[in-house]
Amino acid sequence: MSAYMTTAPQSDGHPVCLGISNSNLYLACTRSDDDSLPKLLLKEVSGALDTINLGDSNGKETGTANNTFESVKHRGWFISTAFDDSERVEMDETPTDRTINFTLENQ
């Protein structure tokens, strides 16, 4: 994973874009209509991550050791993963039986 974080701080975190390393794909949270649940999907970007519309970004980084990624467009929905291996990464409302806390490491 790679990330682009805006330089403009906000009171509840920084909007970020999570990209797949060595590719032109990034994670986006979207809905097909007002009645559907938000879904996490891959979108393609033709340039650097900082060229996408941040309204399409999928989360916020808080600057602490544990980070949550809340949808910018769909507040209350977070990127989540199961505690078991080989399970999907998806969007969930809290509380959930999945984890929404992630630790980011510089590489």
C-alpha atoms as a PDB file:
ATOM      1  CA  MET A   1       0.000   0.000   0.000  1.00  0.00           C
ATOM      2  CA  SER A   2       1.012   3.565  -0.574  1.00  0.00           C
ATOM      3  CA  ALA A   3      -0.741   6.677   0.642  1.00  0.00           C
ATOM      4  CA  TYR A   4      -1.221  10.303  -0.301  1.00  0.00           C
ATOM      5  CA  MET A   5      -2.217  12.588   2.571  1.00  0.00           C
ATOM      6  CA  THR A   6      -3.321  16.167   2.047  1.00  0.00           C
ATOM      7  CA  THR A   7      -1.220  18.868   3.669  1.00  0.00           C
ATOM      8  CA  ALA A   8      -4.271  20.759   4.928  1.00  0.00           C
ATOM      9  CA  PRO A   9      -5.003  19.499   8.463  1.00  0.00           C
ATOM     10  CA  GLN A  10      -8.590  19.089   9.593  1.00  0.00           C
ATOM     11  CA  SER A  11      -9.890  18.844  13.142  1.00  0.00           C
ATOM     12  CA  ASP A  12     -10.721  15.139  12.818  1.00  0.00           C
ATOM     13  CA  GLY A  13      -7.752  13.942  10.730  1.00  0.00           C
ATOM     14  CA  HIS A  14      -6.299  14.253   7.247  1.00  0.00           C
ATOM     15  CA  PRO A  15      -8.049  13.001   4.103  1.00  0.00           C
ATOM     16  CA  VAL A  16      -5.890  10.277   2.557  1.00  0.00           C
ATOM     17  CA  CYS A  17      -5.871   8.180  -0.573  1.00  0.00           C
ATOM     18  CA  LEU A  18      -4.702   4.569  -0.217  1.00  0.00           C
ATOM     19  CA  GLY A  19      -3.059   3.208  -3.340  1.00  0.00           C
ATOM     20  CA  ILE A  20      -1.773  -0.218  -4.290  1.00  0.00           C
ATOM     21  CA  SER A  21       2.027  -0.029  -4.497  1.00  0.00           C
ATOM     22  CA  ASN A  22       3.596  -0.342  -7.953  1.00  0.00           C
ATOM     23  CA  SER A  23       0.241   0.084  -9.699  1.00  0.00           C
ATOM     24  CA  ASN A  24      -2.151   2.807 -10.817  1.00  0.00           C
ATOM     25  CA  LEU A  25      -4.967   1.542  -8.554  1.00  0.00           C
ATOM     26  CA  TYR A  26      -6.357   3.040  -5.363  1.00  0.00           C
ATOM     27  CA  LEU A  27      -9.115   2.151  -2.874  1.00  0.00           C
ATOM     28  CA  ALA A  28     -12.359   4.108  -3.152  1.00  0.00           C
ATOM     29  CA  CYS A  29     -15.584   3.980  -1.166  1.00  0.00           C
ATOM     30  CA  THR A  30     -18.665   4.371  -3.346  1.00  0.00           C
ATOM     31  CA  ARG A  31     -22.405   3.714  -3.536  1.00  0.00           C
ATOM     32  CA  SER A  32     -24.313   2.834  -6.681  1.00  0.00           C
ATOM     33  CA  ASP A  33     -27.414   4.684  -5.411  1.00  0.00           C
ATOM     34  CA  ASP A  34     -28.773   6.266  -2.225  1.00  0.00           C
ATOM     35  CA  ASP A  35     -30.325   2.997  -1.013  1.00  0.00           C
ATOM     36  CA  SER A  36     -27.257   0.786  -1.407  1.00  0.00           C
ATOM     37  CA  LEU A  37     -24.528   0.212   1.158  1.00  0.00           C
ATOM     38  CA  PRO A  38     -21.098   1.791   0.564  1.00  0.00           C
ATOM     39  CA  LYS A  39     -18.634  -0.604  -1.058  1.00  0.00           C
ATOM     40  CA  LEU A  40     -14.861  -0.598  -1.218  1.00  0.00           C
ATOM     41  CA  LEU A  41     -13.505  -0.986  -4.732  1.00  0.00           C
ATOM     42  CA  LEU A  42     -10.386  -0.403  -6.787  1.00  0.00           C
ATOM     43  CA  LYS A  43     -10.261   2.568  -9.140  1.00  0.00           C
ATOM     44  CA  GLU A  44      -7.627   3.476 -11.680  1.00  0.00           C
ATOM     45  CA  VAL A  45      -5.729   6.772 -11.665  1.00  0.00           C
ATOM     46  CA  SER A  46      -3.747   7.977 -14.675  1.00  0.00           C
ATOM     47  CA  GLY A  47      -1.314  10.125 -12.676  1.00  0.00           C
ATOM     48  CA  ALA A  48      -0.020  10.373  -9.128  1.00  0.00           C
ATOM     49  CA  LEU A  49      -2.353   9.795  -6.159  1.00  0.00           C
ATOM     50  CA  ASP A  50      -2.426  13.532  -5.478  1.00  0.00           C
ATOM     51  CA  THR A  51      -4.333  14.053  -8.759  1.00  0.00           C
ATOM     52  CA  ILE A  52      -7.546  12.291  -7.666  1.00  0.00           C
ATOM     53  CA  ASN A  53     -10.619  14.028  -6.297  1.00  0.00           C
ATOM     54  CA  LEU A  54     -10.306  13.779  -2.503  1.00  0.00           C
ATOM     55  CA  GLY A  55     -14.075  13.470  -2.264  1.00  0.00           C
ATOM     56  CA  ASP A  56     -13.450   9.996  -3.674  1.00  0.00           C
ATOM     57  CA  SER A  57     -10.820   9.230  -1.044  1.00  0.00           C
ATOM     58  CA  ASN A  58     -11.646   6.535   1.410  1.00  0.00           C
ATOM     59  CA  GLY A  59     -10.439   7.603   4.757  1.00  0.00           C
ATOM     60  CA  LYS A  60      -8.610   9.678   7.256  1.00  0.00           C
ATOM     61  CA  GLU A  61      -5.350   9.179   9.052  1.00  0.00           C
ATOM     62  CA  THR A  62      -5.305  10.519  12.606  1.00  0.00           C
ATOM     63  CA  GLY A  63      -1.560  10.787  13.130  1.00  0.00           C
ATOM     64  CA  THR A  64      -1.566   8.277  15.996  1.00  0.00           C
ATOM     65  CA  ALA A  65      -0.173   4.728  16.096  1.00  0.00           C
ATOM     66  CA  ASN A  66      -3.623   3.244  15.433  1.00  0.00           C
ATOM     67  CA  ASN A  67      -5.455   4.648  12.442  1.00  0.00           C
ATOM     68  CA  THR A  68      -9.029   4.338  11.276  1.00  0.00           C
ATOM     69  CA  PHE A  69     -10.112   5.077   7.729  1.00  0.00           C
ATOM     70  CA  GLU A  70     -13.590   6.605   7.587  1.00  0.00           C
ATOM     71  CA  SER A  71     -15.209   7.318   4.252  1.00  0.00           C
ATOM     72  CA  VAL A  72     -15.099  10.999   3.346  1.00  0.00           C
ATOM     73  CA  LYS A  73     -18.384  10.754   1.420  1.00  0.00           C
ATOM     74  CA  HIS A  74     -20.185   8.289   3.698  1.00  0.00           C
ATOM     75  CA  ARG A  75     -19.515   9.259   7.318  1.00  0.00           C
ATOM     76  CA  GLY A  76     -19.742   6.452   9.849  1.00  0.00           C
ATOM     77  CA  TRP A  77     -18.473   3.833   7.363  1.00  0.00           C
ATOM     78  CA  PHE A  78     -14.924   2.519   7.913  1.00  0.00           C
ATOM     79  CA  ILE A  79     -12.464   0.271   6.087  1.00  0.00           C
ATOM     80  CA  SER A  80     -12.512  -2.994   8.026  1.00  0.00           C
ATOM     81  CA  THR A  81     -10.900  -6.395   7.958  1.00  0.00           C
ATOM     82  CA  ALA A  82     -11.679  -9.711   9.618  1.00  0.00           C
ATOM     83  CA  PHE A  83      -9.471 -11.200  12.296  1.00  0.00           C
ATOM     84  CA  ASP A  84      -9.154 -14.388  10.189  1.00  0.00           C
ATOM     85  CA  ASP A  85      -6.750 -14.749   7.260  1.00  0.00           C
ATOM     86  CA  SER A  86      -7.909 -14.554   3.623  1.00  0.00           C
ATOM     87  CA  GLU A  87     -11.062 -12.553   4.364  1.00  0.00           C
ATOM     88  CA  ARG A  88     -12.238  -9.507   2.392  1.00  0.00           C
ATOM     89  CA  VAL A  89     -11.406  -5.929   3.216  1.00  0.00           C
ATOM     90  CA  GLU A  90     -14.692  -4.027   3.122  1.00  0.00           C
ATOM     91  CA  MET A  91     -16.643  -1.055   4.447  1.00  0.00           C
ATOM     92  CA  ASP A  92     -18.527  -1.445   7.751  1.00  0.00           C
ATOM     93  CA  GLU A  93     -20.420   0.714  10.185  1.00  0.00           C
ATOM     94  CA  THR A  94     -19.305   0.573  13.794  1.00  0.00           C
ATOM     95  CA  PRO A  95     -19.682  -1.302  16.032  1.00  0.00           C
ATOM     96  CA  THR A  96     -18.702  -4.417  14.132  1.00  0.00           C
ATOM     97  CA  ASP A  97     -17.112  -7.800  14.796  1.00  0.00           C
ATOM     98  CA  ARG A  98     -14.313  -6.807  12.402  1.00  0.00           C
ATOM     99  CA  THR A  99     -11.371  -4.520  13.137  1.00  0.00           C
ATOM    100  CA  ILE A 100     -11.254  -0.944  11.871  1.00  0.00           C
ATOM    101  CA  ASN A 101      -7.901  -0.091  13.524  1.00  0.00           C
ATOM    102  CA  PHE A 102      -4.733  -0.221  11.438  1.00  0.00           C
ATOM    103  CA  THR A 103      -1.067   0.473  12.172  1.00  0.00           C
ATOM    104  CA  LEU A 104       0.873   2.219   9.415  1.00  0.00           C
ATOM    105  CA  GLU A 105       4.597   1.632   9.085  1.00  0.00           C
ATOM    106  CA  ASN A 106       7.017   3.689   7.018  1.00  0.00           C
ATOM    107  CA  GLN A 107       8.895   1.601   4.482  1.00  0.00           C
END
